[in-house]
PDB file of N, CA and C in Angstrom:
ATOM      1  N   MET A   1     -17.117 -16.470  -2.084  1.00  0.00           N
ATOM      2  CA  MET A   1     -15.708 -16.978  -1.873  1.00  0.00           C
ATOM      3  C   MET A   1     -14.628 -15.818  -2.331  1.00  0.00           C
ATOM      4  N   ILE A   2     -15.135 -15.067  -3.341  1.00  0.00           N
ATOM      5  CA  ILE A   2     -14.231 -13.980  -3.788  1.00  0.00           C
ATOM      6  C   ILE A   2     -14.106 -12.834  -2.686  1.00  0.00           C
ATOM      7  N   ARG A   3     -15.344 -12.650  -1.988  1.00  0.00           N
ATOM      8  CA  ARG A   3     -15.301 -11.669  -0.928  1.00  0.00           C
ATOM      9  C   ARG A   3     -14.287 -12.132   0.174  1.00  0.00           C
ATOM     10  N   PHE A   4     -14.385 -13.398   0.576  1.00  0.00           N
ATOM     11  CA  PHE A   4     -13.633 -13.958   1.724  1.00  0.00           C
ATOM     12  C   PHE A   4     -12.252 -13.841   1.278  1.00  0.00           C
ATOM     13  N   ALA A   5     -11.636 -14.130  -0.049  1.00  0.00           N
ATOM     14  CA  ALA A   5     -10.297 -13.991  -0.496  1.00  0.00           C
ATOM     15  C   ALA A   5      -9.908 -12.467  -0.354  1.00  0.00           C
ATOM     16  N   LEU A   6     -10.812 -11.552  -0.736  1.00  0.00           N
ATOM     17  CA  LEU A   6     -10.368 -10.194  -0.617  1.00  0.00           C
ATOM     18  C   LEU A   6     -10.343  -9.719   0.782  1.00  0.00           C
ATOM     19  N   GLN A   7     -11.213 -10.292   1.655  1.00  0.00           N
ATOM     20  CA  GLN A   7     -11.067  -9.928   3.021  1.00  0.00           C
ATOM     21  C   GLN A   7      -9.766 -10.374   3.693  1.00  0.00           C
ATOM     22  N   LEU A   8      -9.499 -11.575   3.357  1.00  0.00           N
ATOM     23  CA  LEU A   8      -8.260 -12.224   3.920  1.00  0.00           C
ATOM     24  C   LEU A   8      -6.996 -11.546   3.327  1.00  0.00           C
ATOM     25  N   ALA A   9      -6.824 -11.153   2.101  1.00  0.00           N
ATOM     26  CA  ALA A   9      -5.913 -10.374   1.609  1.00  0.00           C
ATOM     27  C   ALA A   9      -5.874  -8.960   2.234  1.00  0.00           C
ATOM     28  N   GLY A  10      -7.027  -8.309   2.388  1.00  0.00           N
ATOM     29  CA  GLY A  10      -6.917  -7.093   3.069  1.00  0.00           C
ATOM     30  C   GLY A  10      -6.445  -7.102   4.449  1.00  0.00           C
ATOM     31  N   LEU A  11      -6.756  -8.131   5.110  1.00  0.00           N
ATOM     32  CA  LEU A  11      -6.118  -8.311   6.537  1.00  0.00           C
ATOM     33  C   LEU A  11      -4.742  -8.518   6.597  1.00  0.00           C
ATOM     34  N   PHE A  12      -4.250  -9.364   5.653  1.00  0.00           N
ATOM     35  CA  PHE A  12      -2.809  -9.621   5.591  1.00  0.00           C
ATOM     36  C   PHE A  12      -2.134  -8.266   5.269  1.00  0.00           C
ATOM     37  N   ILE A  13      -2.592  -7.351   4.313  1.00  0.00           N
ATOM     38  CA  ILE A  13      -2.036  -6.295   4.105  1.00  0.00           C
ATOM     39  C   ILE A  13      -1.919  -5.268   5.198  1.00  0.00           C
ATOM     40  N   LEU A  14      -3.144  -5.139   5.893  1.00  0.00           N
ATOM     41  CA  LEU A  14      -3.163  -4.431   7.237  1.00  0.00           C
ATOM     42  C   LEU A  14      -2.237  -4.863   8.120  1.00  0.00           C
ATOM     43  N   ALA A  15      -1.921  -6.292   8.282  1.00  0.00           N
ATOM     44  CA  ALA A  15      -0.921  -6.884   9.217  1.00  0.00           C
ATOM     45  C   ALA A  15       0.348  -6.388   8.798  1.00  0.00           C
ATOM     46  N   GLY A  16       0.748  -6.332   7.601  1.00  0.00           N
ATOM     47  CA  GLY A  16       1.991  -5.775   7.017  1.00  0.00           C
ATOM     48  C   GLY A  16       2.165  -4.337   7.365  1.00  0.00           C
ATOM     49  N   ALA A  17       1.097  -3.595   7.261  1.00  0.00           N
ATOM     50  CA  ALA A  17       1.030  -2.269   7.697  1.00  0.00           C
ATOM     51  C   ALA A  17       1.602  -2.091   9.182  1.00  0.00           C
ATOM     52  N   VAL A  18       0.948  -2.861  10.086  1.00  0.00           N
ATOM     53  CA  VAL A  18       1.179  -2.901  11.444  1.00  0.00           C
ATOM     54  C   VAL A  18       2.649  -3.292  11.674  1.00  0.00           C
ATOM     55  N   ALA A  19       3.138  -4.419  10.939  1.00  0.00           N
ATOM     56  CA  ALA A  19       4.605  -4.816  11.067  1.00  0.00           C
ATOM     57  C   ALA A  19       5.602  -3.644  10.594  1.00  0.00           C
ATOM     58  N   ALA A  20       5.239  -3.079   9.646  1.00  0.00           N
ATOM     59  CA  ALA A  20       6.167  -1.880   9.031  1.00  0.00           C
ATOM     60  C   ALA A  20       5.984  -0.781  10.029  1.00  0.00           C
ATOM     61  N   LEU A  21       4.963  -0.503  10.779  1.00  0.00           N
ATOM     62  CA  LEU A  21       4.923   0.597  11.873  1.00  0.00           C
ATOM     63  C   LEU A  21       5.721   0.011  13.061  1.00  0.00           C
ATOM     64  N   ALA A  22       5.803  -1.227  13.194  1.00  0.00           N
ATOM     65  CA  ALA A  22       6.572  -1.643  14.420  1.00  0.00           C
ATOM     66  C   ALA A  22       8.180  -1.575  14.027  1.00  0.00           C
ATOM     67  N   ILE A  23       8.428  -1.900  12.856  1.00  0.00           N
ATOM     68  CA  ILE A  23       9.822  -1.772  12.478  1.00  0.00           C
ATOM     69  C   ILE A  23      10.346  -0.453  12.481  1.00  0.00           C
ATOM     70  N   ASP A  24       9.445   0.523  11.930  1.00  0.00           N
ATOM     71  CA  ASP A  24       9.821   1.921  11.951  1.00  0.00           C
ATOM     72  C   ASP A  24      10.092   2.294  13.477  1.00  0.00           C
ATOM     73  N   GLY A  25       9.076   2.030  14.310  1.00  0.00           N
ATOM     74  CA  GLY A  25       9.058   2.319  15.750  1.00  0.00           C
ATOM     75  C   GLY A  25      10.344   1.904  16.399  1.00  0.00           C
ATOM     76  N   SER A  26      10.672   0.629  16.223  1.00  0.00           N
ATOM     77  CA  SER A  26      12.032   0.127  16.730  1.00  0.00           C
ATOM     78  C   SER A  26      13.075   0.801  16.329  1.00  0.00           C
ATOM     79  N   ARG A  27      13.340   1.109  14.988  1.00  0.00           N
ATOM     80  CA  ARG A  27      14.326   1.807  14.449  1.00  0.00           C
ATOM     81  C   ARG A  27      14.480   3.177  15.066  1.00  0.00           C
ATOM     82  N   SER A  28      13.323   3.900  15.120  1.00  0.00           N
ATOM     83  CA  SER A  28      13.205   5.284  15.620  1.00  0.00           C
ATOM     84  C   SER A  28      13.577   5.202  17.114  1.00  0.00           C
ATOM     85  N   PHE A  29      13.190   4.268  17.864  1.00  0.00           N
ATOM     86  CA  PHE A  29      13.570   4.206  19.335  1.00  0.00           C
ATOM     87  C   PHE A  29      15.092   3.965  19.545  1.00  0.00           C
ATOM     88  N   ALA A  30      15.607   3.033  18.691  1.00  0.00           N
ATOM     89  CA  ALA A  30      17.140   2.723  18.731  1.00  0.00           C
ATOM     90  C   ALA A  30      17.950   3.816  18.343  1.00  0.00           C
ATOM     91  N   ALA A  31      17.374   4.659  17.358  1.00  0.00           N
ATOM     92  CA  ALA A  31      18.292   5.818  16.839  1.00  0.00           C
ATOM     93  C   ALA A  31      18.111   7.000  17.627  1.00  0.00           C
ATOM     94  N   GLY A  32      17.014   7.123  18.461  1.00  0.00           N
ATOM     95  CA  GLY A  32      16.647   8.245  19.207  1.00  0.00           C
ATOM     96  C   GLY A  32      16.157   9.365  18.518  1.00  0.00           C
ATOM     97  N   ARG A  33      15.726   9.269  17.155  1.00  0.00           N
ATOM     98  CA  ARG A  33      15.012  10.172  16.392  1.00  0.00           C
ATOM     99  C   ARG A  33      14.011   9.442  15.545  1.00  0.00           C
ATOM    100  N   LEU A  34      13.110  10.205  14.819  1.00  0.00           N
ATOM    101  CA  LEU A  34      12.153   9.565  13.867  1.00  0.00           C
ATOM    102  C   LEU A  34      12.783   9.096  12.747  1.00  0.00           C
ATOM    103  N   ILE A  35      12.508   7.861  12.446  1.00  0.00           N
ATOM    104  CA  ILE A  35      13.028   7.128  11.081  1.00  0.00           C
ATOM    105  C   ILE A  35      11.798   6.474  10.523  1.00  0.00           C
ATOM    106  N   VAL A  36      11.492   7.036   9.384  1.00  0.00           N
ATOM    107  CA  VAL A  36      10.270   6.502   8.552  1.00  0.00           C
ATOM    108  C   VAL A  36      10.816   5.810   7.143  1.00  0.00           C
ATOM    109  N   THR A  37      10.510   4.701   6.971  1.00  0.00           N
ATOM    110  CA  THR A  37      10.905   3.867   5.744  1.00  0.00           C
ATOM    111  C   THR A  37       9.820   4.471   4.602  1.00  0.00           C
ATOM    112  N   GLN A  38      10.236   4.900   3.502  1.00  0.00           N
ATOM    113  CA  GLN A  38       9.367   5.256   2.362  1.00  0.00           C
ATOM    114  C   GLN A  38       9.210   4.013   1.658  1.00  0.00           C
ATOM    115  N   LEU A  39       7.878   4.181   0.914  1.00  0.00           N
ATOM    116  CA  LEU A  39       7.481   3.046   0.096  1.00  0.00           C
ATOM    117  C   LEU A  39       8.342   2.634  -0.957  1.00  0.00           C
ATOM    118  N   GLY A  40       9.001   3.702  -1.641  1.00  0.00           N
ATOM    119  CA  GLY A  40       9.944   3.452  -2.668  1.00  0.00           C
ATOM    120  C   GLY A  40      11.001   2.552  -2.275  1.00  0.00           C
ATOM    121  N   GLU A  41      11.515   2.916  -0.968  1.00  0.00           N
ATOM    122  CA  GLU A  41      12.730   2.179  -0.383  1.00  0.00           C
ATOM    123  C   GLU A  41      12.243   0.644  -0.260  1.00  0.00           C
ATOM    124  N   THR A  42      11.337   0.539   0.347  1.00  0.00           N
ATOM    125  CA  THR A  42      10.718  -0.828   0.573  1.00  0.00           C
ATOM    126  C   THR A  42      10.608  -1.627  -0.724  1.00  0.00           C
ATOM    127  N   ALA A  43       9.968  -0.986  -1.746  1.00  0.00           N
ATOM    128  CA  ALA A  43       9.843  -1.727  -2.939  1.00  0.00           C
ATOM    129  C   ALA A  43      11.180  -1.982  -3.697  1.00  0.00           C
ATOM    130  N   ALA A  44      12.140  -0.968  -3.422  1.00  0.00           N
ATOM    131  CA  ALA A  44      13.474  -1.280  -4.075  1.00  0.00           C
ATOM    132  C   ALA A  44      14.240  -2.352  -3.320  1.00  0.00           C
ATOM    133  N   ALA A  45      13.975  -2.482  -2.063  1.00  0.00           N
ATOM    134  CA  ALA A  45      14.567  -3.486  -1.298  1.00  0.00           C
ATOM    135  C   ALA A  45      14.100  -4.927  -1.428  1.00  0.00           C
ATOM    136  N   LEU A  46      12.743  -4.954  -1.806  1.00  0.00           N
ATOM    137  CA  LEU A  46      12.110  -6.278  -2.004  1.00  0.00           C
ATOM    138  C   LEU A  46      12.497  -6.842  -3.417  1.00  0.00           C
ATOM    139  N   ALA A  47      12.468  -5.869  -4.419  1.00  0.00           N
ATOM    140  CA  ALA A  47      12.758  -6.376  -5.789  1.00  0.00           C
ATOM    141  C   ALA A  47      13.493  -5.297  -6.651  1.00  0.00           C
ATOM    142  N   PRO A  48      14.856  -5.305  -6.255  1.00  0.00           N
ATOM    143  CA  PRO A  48      15.823  -4.245  -7.058  1.00  0.00           C
ATOM    144  C   PRO A  48      15.662  -4.391  -8.491  1.00  0.00           C
ATOM    145  N   ALA A  49      15.761  -5.782  -8.808  1.00  0.00           N
ATOM    146  CA  ALA A  49      15.956  -5.987 -10.476  1.00  0.00           C
ATOM    147  C   ALA A  49      14.674  -5.545 -11.015  1.00  0.00           C
ATOM    148  N   LYS A  50      13.476  -5.726 -10.423  1.00  0.00           N
ATOM    149  CA  LYS A  50      12.205  -5.299 -11.050  1.00  0.00           C
ATOM    150  C   LYS A  50      12.026  -3.772 -11.065  1.00  0.00           C
ATOM    151  N   MET A  51      12.530  -3.215 -10.006  1.00  0.00           N
ATOM    152  CA  MET A  51      12.425  -1.636 -10.004  1.00  0.00           C
ATOM    153  C   MET A  51      13.271  -1.139 -11.260  1.00  0.00           C
ATOM    154  N   ASN A  52      14.616  -1.557 -11.354  1.00  0.00           N
ATOM    155  CA  ASN A  52      15.435  -1.045 -12.254  1.00  0.00           C
ATOM    156  C   ASN A  52      14.862  -1.333 -13.741  1.00  0.00           C
ATOM    157  N   ALA A  53      14.274  -2.600 -13.893  1.00  0.00           N
ATOM    158  CA  ALA A  53      13.674  -2.805 -15.236  1.00  0.00           C
ATOM    159  C   ALA A  53      12.450  -2.041 -15.586  1.00  0.00           C
ATOM    160  N   LEU A  54      11.636  -1.861 -14.528  1.00  0.00           N
ATOM    161  CA  LEU A  54      10.468  -0.879 -14.664  1.00  0.00           C
ATOM    162  C   LEU A  54      10.843   0.520 -15.045  1.00  0.00           C
ATOM    163  N   SER A  55      11.970   1.182 -14.210  1.00  0.00           N
ATOM    164  CA  SER A  55      12.233   2.433 -14.678  1.00  0.00           C
ATOM    165  C   SER A  55      13.037   2.562 -16.018  1.00  0.00           C
ATOM    166  N   ALA A  56      13.596   1.582 -16.446  1.00  0.00           N
ATOM    167  CA  ALA A  56      14.330   1.462 -17.755  1.00  0.00           C
ATOM    168  C   ALA A  56      13.207   1.405 -18.671  1.00  0.00           C
ATOM    169  N   ALA A  57      12.298   0.569 -18.569  1.00  0.00           N
ATOM    170  CA  ALA A  57      11.148   0.444 -19.520  1.00  0.00           C
ATOM    171  C   ALA A  57      10.216   1.518 -19.684  1.00  0.00           C
ATOM    172  N   PHE A  58       9.706   2.155 -18.686  1.00  0.00           N
ATOM    173  CA  PHE A  58       8.720   3.237 -18.633  1.00  0.00           C
ATOM    174  C   PHE A  58       9.286   4.510 -18.429  1.00  0.00           C
ATOM    175  N   GLY A  59      10.437   4.666 -17.991  1.00  0.00           N
ATOM    176  CA  GLY A  59      10.995   5.918 -17.492  1.00  0.00           C
ATOM    177  C   GLY A  59      10.874   6.961 -18.712  1.00  0.00           C
ATOM    178  N   PRO A  60      11.609   6.857 -19.810  1.00  0.00           N
ATOM    179  CA  PRO A  60      11.664   7.628 -20.861  1.00  0.00           C
ATOM    180  C   PRO A  60      10.274   8.034 -21.495  1.00  0.00           C
ATOM    181  N   HIS A  61       9.285   7.136 -21.350  1.00  0.00           N
ATOM    182  CA  HIS A  61       7.912   7.229 -21.976  1.00  0.00           C
ATOM    183  C   HIS A  61       6.958   7.876 -20.977  1.00  0.00           C
ATOM    184  N   LEU A  62       7.153   8.295 -19.843  1.00  0.00           N
ATOM    185  CA  LEU A  62       6.166   8.858 -18.843  1.00  0.00           C
ATOM    186  C   LEU A  62       6.205  10.152 -18.989  1.00  0.00           C
ATOM    187  N   HIS A  63       4.870  10.862 -18.918  1.00  0.00           N
ATOM    188  CA  HIS A  63       4.688  12.209 -18.875  1.00  0.00           C
ATOM    189  C   HIS A  63       5.245  12.701 -17.651  1.00  0.00           C
ATOM    190  N   PRO A  64       5.951  13.840 -17.759  1.00  0.00           N
ATOM    191  CA  PRO A  64       6.547  14.469 -16.459  1.00  0.00           C
ATOM    192  C   PRO A  64       5.691  14.588 -15.345  1.00  0.00           C
ATOM    193  N   GLN A  65       4.396  14.924 -15.601  1.00  0.00           N
ATOM    194  CA  GLN A  65       3.571  15.089 -14.337  1.00  0.00           C
ATOM    195  C   GLN A  65       3.235  13.678 -13.743  1.00  0.00           C
ATOM    196  N   LEU A  66       3.153  12.785 -14.544  1.00  0.00           N
ATOM    197  CA  LEU A  66       2.831  11.267 -14.054  1.00  0.00           C
ATOM    198  C   LEU A  66       4.217  10.781 -13.172  1.00  0.00           C
ATOM    199  N   ASP A  67       5.441  11.212 -13.705  1.00  0.00           N
ATOM    200  CA  ASP A  67       6.527  11.031 -13.074  1.00  0.00           C
ATOM    201  C   ASP A  67       6.608  11.558 -11.728  1.00  0.00           C
ATOM    202  N   GLN A  68       6.158  12.902 -11.636  1.00  0.00           N
ATOM    203  CA  GLN A  68       6.201  13.454 -10.235  1.00  0.00           C
ATOM    204  C   GLN A  68       5.143  12.702  -9.386  1.00  0.00           C
ATOM    205  N   ILE A  69       4.034  12.487  -9.784  1.00  0.00           N
ATOM    206  CA  ILE A  69       2.975  11.714  -9.108  1.00  0.00           C
ATOM    207  C   ILE A  69       3.538  10.409  -8.515  1.00  0.00           C
ATOM    208  N   LEU A  70       4.173   9.639  -9.422  1.00  0.00           N
ATOM    209  CA  LEU A  70       4.674   8.335  -8.795  1.00  0.00           C
ATOM    210  C   LEU A  70       5.804   8.452  -8.030  1.00  0.00           C
ATOM    211  N   ALA A  71       6.761   9.603  -8.157  1.00  0.00           N
ATOM    212  CA  ALA A  71       7.820  10.015  -7.145  1.00  0.00           C
ATOM    213  C   ALA A  71       7.162  10.185  -5.870  1.00  0.00           C
ATOM    214  N   SER A  72       6.064  11.078  -5.705  1.00  0.00           N
ATOM    215  CA  SER A  72       5.485  11.323  -4.527  1.00  0.00           C
ATOM    216  C   SER A  72       4.912  10.183  -3.905  1.00  0.00           C
ATOM    217  N   ILE A  73       4.306   9.251  -4.541  1.00  0.00           N
ATOM    218  CA  ILE A  73       3.664   7.974  -3.864  1.00  0.00           C
ATOM    219  C   ILE A  73       4.847   7.164  -3.354  1.00  0.00           C
ATOM    220  N   GLY A  74       6.061   7.225  -3.959  1.00  0.00           N
ATOM    221  CA  GLY A  74       7.221   6.523  -3.551  1.00  0.00           C
ATOM    222  C   GLY A  74       7.626   7.111  -2.172  1.00  0.00           C
ATOM    223  N   ARG A  75       7.418   8.424  -1.887  1.00  0.00           N
ATOM    224  CA  ARG A  75       7.844   8.891  -0.646  1.00  0.00           C
ATOM    225  C   ARG A  75       6.846   8.860   0.476  1.00  0.00           C
ATOM    226  N   VAL A  76       5.820   8.046   0.225  1.00  0.00           N
ATOM    227  CA  VAL A  76       4.797   7.931   1.321  1.00  0.00           C
ATOM    228  C   VAL A  76       5.496   6.939   2.322  1.00  0.00           C
ATOM    229  N   PRO A  77       5.125   7.097   3.455  1.00  0.00           N
ATOM    230  CA  PRO A  77       5.716   6.029   4.562  1.00  0.00           C
ATOM    231  C   PRO A  77       5.015   4.633   4.096  1.00  0.00           C
ATOM    232  N   THR A  78       5.886   3.596   4.349  1.00  0.00           N
ATOM    233  CA  THR A  78       5.403   2.222   3.953  1.00  0.00           C
ATOM    234  C   THR A  78       4.208   1.837   4.885  1.00  0.00           C
ATOM    235  N   PHE A  79       4.180   2.206   5.973  1.00  0.00           N
ATOM    236  CA  PHE A  79       2.845   1.786   6.914  1.00  0.00           C
ATOM    237  C   PHE A  79       1.698   2.425   6.296  1.00  0.00           C
ATOM    238  N   LEU A  80       1.717   3.639   6.037  1.00  0.00           N
ATOM    239  CA  LEU A  80       0.576   4.436   5.434  1.00  0.00           C
ATOM    240  C   LEU A  80       0.097   3.876   4.103  1.00  0.00           C
ATOM    241  N   GLY A  81       1.218   3.469   3.210  1.00  0.00           N
ATOM    242  CA  GLY A  81       0.820   2.974   1.987  1.00  0.00           C
ATOM    243  C   GLY A  81       0.230   1.724   2.065  1.00  0.00           C
ATOM    244  N   PHE A  82       0.657   0.787   2.940  1.00  0.00           N
ATOM    245  CA  PHE A  82       0.047  -0.412   3.234  1.00  0.00           C
ATOM    246  C   PHE A  82      -1.425  -0.401   3.952  1.00  0.00           C
ATOM    247  N   ALA A  83      -1.531   0.533   4.674  1.00  0.00           N
ATOM    248  CA  ALA A  83      -2.774   0.667   5.365  1.00  0.00           C
ATOM    249  C   ALA A  83      -3.952   1.248   4.581  1.00  0.00           C
ATOM    250  N   ALA A  84      -3.466   1.936   3.591  1.00  0.00           N
ATOM    251  CA  ALA A  84      -4.536   2.624   2.760  1.00  0.00           C
ATOM    252  C   ALA A  84      -4.889   1.589   1.615  1.00  0.00           C
ATOM    253  N   LEU A  85      -3.792   0.710   1.215  1.00  0.00           N
ATOM    254  CA  LEU A  85      -4.129  -0.486   0.375  1.00  0.00           C
ATOM    255  C   LEU A  85      -5.042  -1.460   1.043  1.00  0.00           C
ATOM    256  N   GLY A  86      -4.751  -1.783   2.143  1.00  0.00           N
ATOM    257  CA  GLY A  86      -5.425  -2.736   2.887  1.00  0.00           C
ATOM    258  C   GLY A  86      -6.981  -2.296   3.135  1.00  0.00           C
ATOM    259  N   ALA A  87      -7.166  -1.009   3.571  1.00  0.00           N
ATOM    260  CA  ALA A  87      -8.422  -0.409   3.613  1.00  0.00           C
ATOM    261  C   ALA A  87      -9.166  -0.387   2.487  1.00  0.00           C
ATOM    262  N   LEU A  88      -8.476  -0.091   1.347  1.00  0.00           N
ATOM    263  CA  LEU A  88      -9.344  -0.193   0.074  1.00  0.00           C
ATOM    264  C   LEU A  88      -9.744  -1.600  -0.392  1.00  0.00           C
ATOM    265  N   VAL A  89      -8.825  -2.483  -0.042  1.00  0.00           N
ATOM    266  CA  VAL A  89      -9.329  -3.856  -0.480  1.00  0.00           C
ATOM    267  C   VAL A  89     -10.343  -4.343   0.374  1.00  0.00           C
ATOM    268  N   LEU A  90     -10.429  -4.054   1.652  1.00  0.00           N
ATOM    269  CA  LEU A  90     -11.485  -4.372   2.655  1.00  0.00           C
ATOM    270  C   LEU A  90     -12.733  -3.669   2.302  1.00  0.00           C
ATOM    271  N   TRP A  91     -12.591  -2.511   1.781  1.00  0.00           N
ATOM    272  CA  TRP A  91     -13.742  -1.637   1.331  1.00  0.00           C
ATOM    273  C   TRP A  91     -14.464  -2.394   0.211  1.00  0.00           C
ATOM    274  N   LEU A  92     -13.587  -2.764  -0.726  1.00  0.00           N
ATOM    275  CA  LEU A  92     -13.999  -3.396  -1.886  1.00  0.00           C
ATOM    276  C   LEU A  92     -14.784  -4.807  -1.536  1.00  0.00           C
ATOM    277  N   ALA A  93     -14.387  -5.567  -0.371  1.00  0.00           N
ATOM    278  CA  ALA A  93     -14.841  -6.794   0.011  1.00  0.00           C
ATOM    279  C   ALA A  93     -16.136  -6.759   0.799  1.00  0.00           C
ATOM    280  N   ARG A  94     -16.402  -5.479   1.083  1.00  0.00           N
ATOM    281  CA  ARG A  94     -17.664  -5.370   2.072  1.00  0.00           C
ATOM    282  C   ARG A  94     -18.990  -5.831   1.511  1.00  0.00           C
ATOM    283  N   LYS A  95     -19.921  -6.278   2.197  1.00  0.00           N
ATOM    284  CA  LYS A  95     -21.248  -6.654   1.704  1.00  0.00           C
ATOM    285  C   LYS A  95     -21.986  -5.383   1.086  1.00  0.00           C
ATOM    286  N   PRO A  96     -22.810  -5.693   0.187  1.00  0.00           N
ATOM    287  CA  PRO A  96     -23.485  -4.574  -0.482  1.00  0.00           C
ATOM    288  C   PRO A  96     -24.670  -4.028   0.542  1.00  0.00           C
ATOM    289  N   ALA A  97     -24.812  -2.831   0.602  1.00  0.00           N
ATOM    290  CA  ALA A  97     -25.905  -2.307   1.402  1.00  0.00           C
ATOM    291  C   ALA A  97     -27.316  -2.723   1.132  1.00  0.00           C
ATOM    292  N   PRO A  98     -28.169  -3.050   2.115  1.00  0.00           N
ATOM    293  CA  PRO A  98     -29.353  -3.495   1.630  1.00  0.00           C
ATOM    294  C   PRO A  98     -30.228  -2.380   1.000  1.00  0.00           C
ATOM    295  N   LYS A  99     -30.953  -2.631   0.194  1.00  0.00           N
ATOM    296  CA  LYS A  99     -31.855  -1.825  -0.533  1.00  0.00           C
ATOM    297  C   LYS A  99     -32.987  -1.478   0.280  1.00  0.00           C
ATOM    298  N   ILE A 100     -33.120  -0.246   0.623  1.00  0.00           N
ATOM    299  CA  ILE A 100     -34.445   0.149   1.481  1.00  0.00           C
ATOM    300  C   ILE A 100     -35.440   0.708   0.697  1.00  0.00           C
ATOM    301  N   GLY A 101     -36.643   0.306   0.780  1.00  0.00           N
ATOM    302  CA  GLY A 101     -37.887   0.802   0.088  1.00  0.00           C
ATOM    303  C   GLY A 101     -38.081  -0.145  -0.932  1.00  0.00           C
ATOM    304  N   TYR A 102     -37.567  -1.123  -1.127  1.00  0.00           N
ATOM    305  CA  TYR A 102     -37.890  -2.100  -2.202  1.00  0.00           C
ATOM    306  C   TYR A 102     -38.533  -3.345  -1.706  1.00  0.00           C
ATOM    307  N   SER A 103     -39.398  -4.039  -2.219  1.00  0.00           N
ATOM    308  CA  SER A 103     -40.258  -5.129  -1.829  1.00  0.00           C
ATOM    309  C   SER A 103     -39.234  -6.306  -1.903  1.00  0.00           C
ATOM    310  N   SER A 104     -39.224  -7.078  -0.919  1.00  0.00           N
ATOM    311  CA  SER A 104     -38.443  -8.270  -1.026  1.00  0.00           C
ATOM    312  C   SER A 104     -39.087  -9.534  -1.755  1.00  0.00           C
ATOM    313  N   ARG A 105     -40.219  -9.364  -2.120  1.00  0.00           N
ATOM    314  CA  ARG A 105     -40.942 -10.466  -2.727  1.00  0.00           C
ATOM    315  C   ARG A 105     -40.569 -10.566  -4.185  1.00  0.00           C
TER     316      ARG A 105
END
């Protein structure tokens, strides 16, 4: 049951990646140049109050290198971030590999 729920969540996340790619593609087509929405922009648009609260709560306490890592994750295109997350969730939900060389009795 948990594997099914993870597979369903992974497929919904991958569908979100395809939708984000379609949105970026239509924006790029309309503008006549490449426009890519960053993951940080998407998160700020979906929950601006939460992003401000998180940066106020953890901002002064983060190590500078961790802050740079989080900033670089925020610059990843939205469709790539969603696709990577969806692939990770689907990988976690896969069936375990059969044990070869062991007796099944």
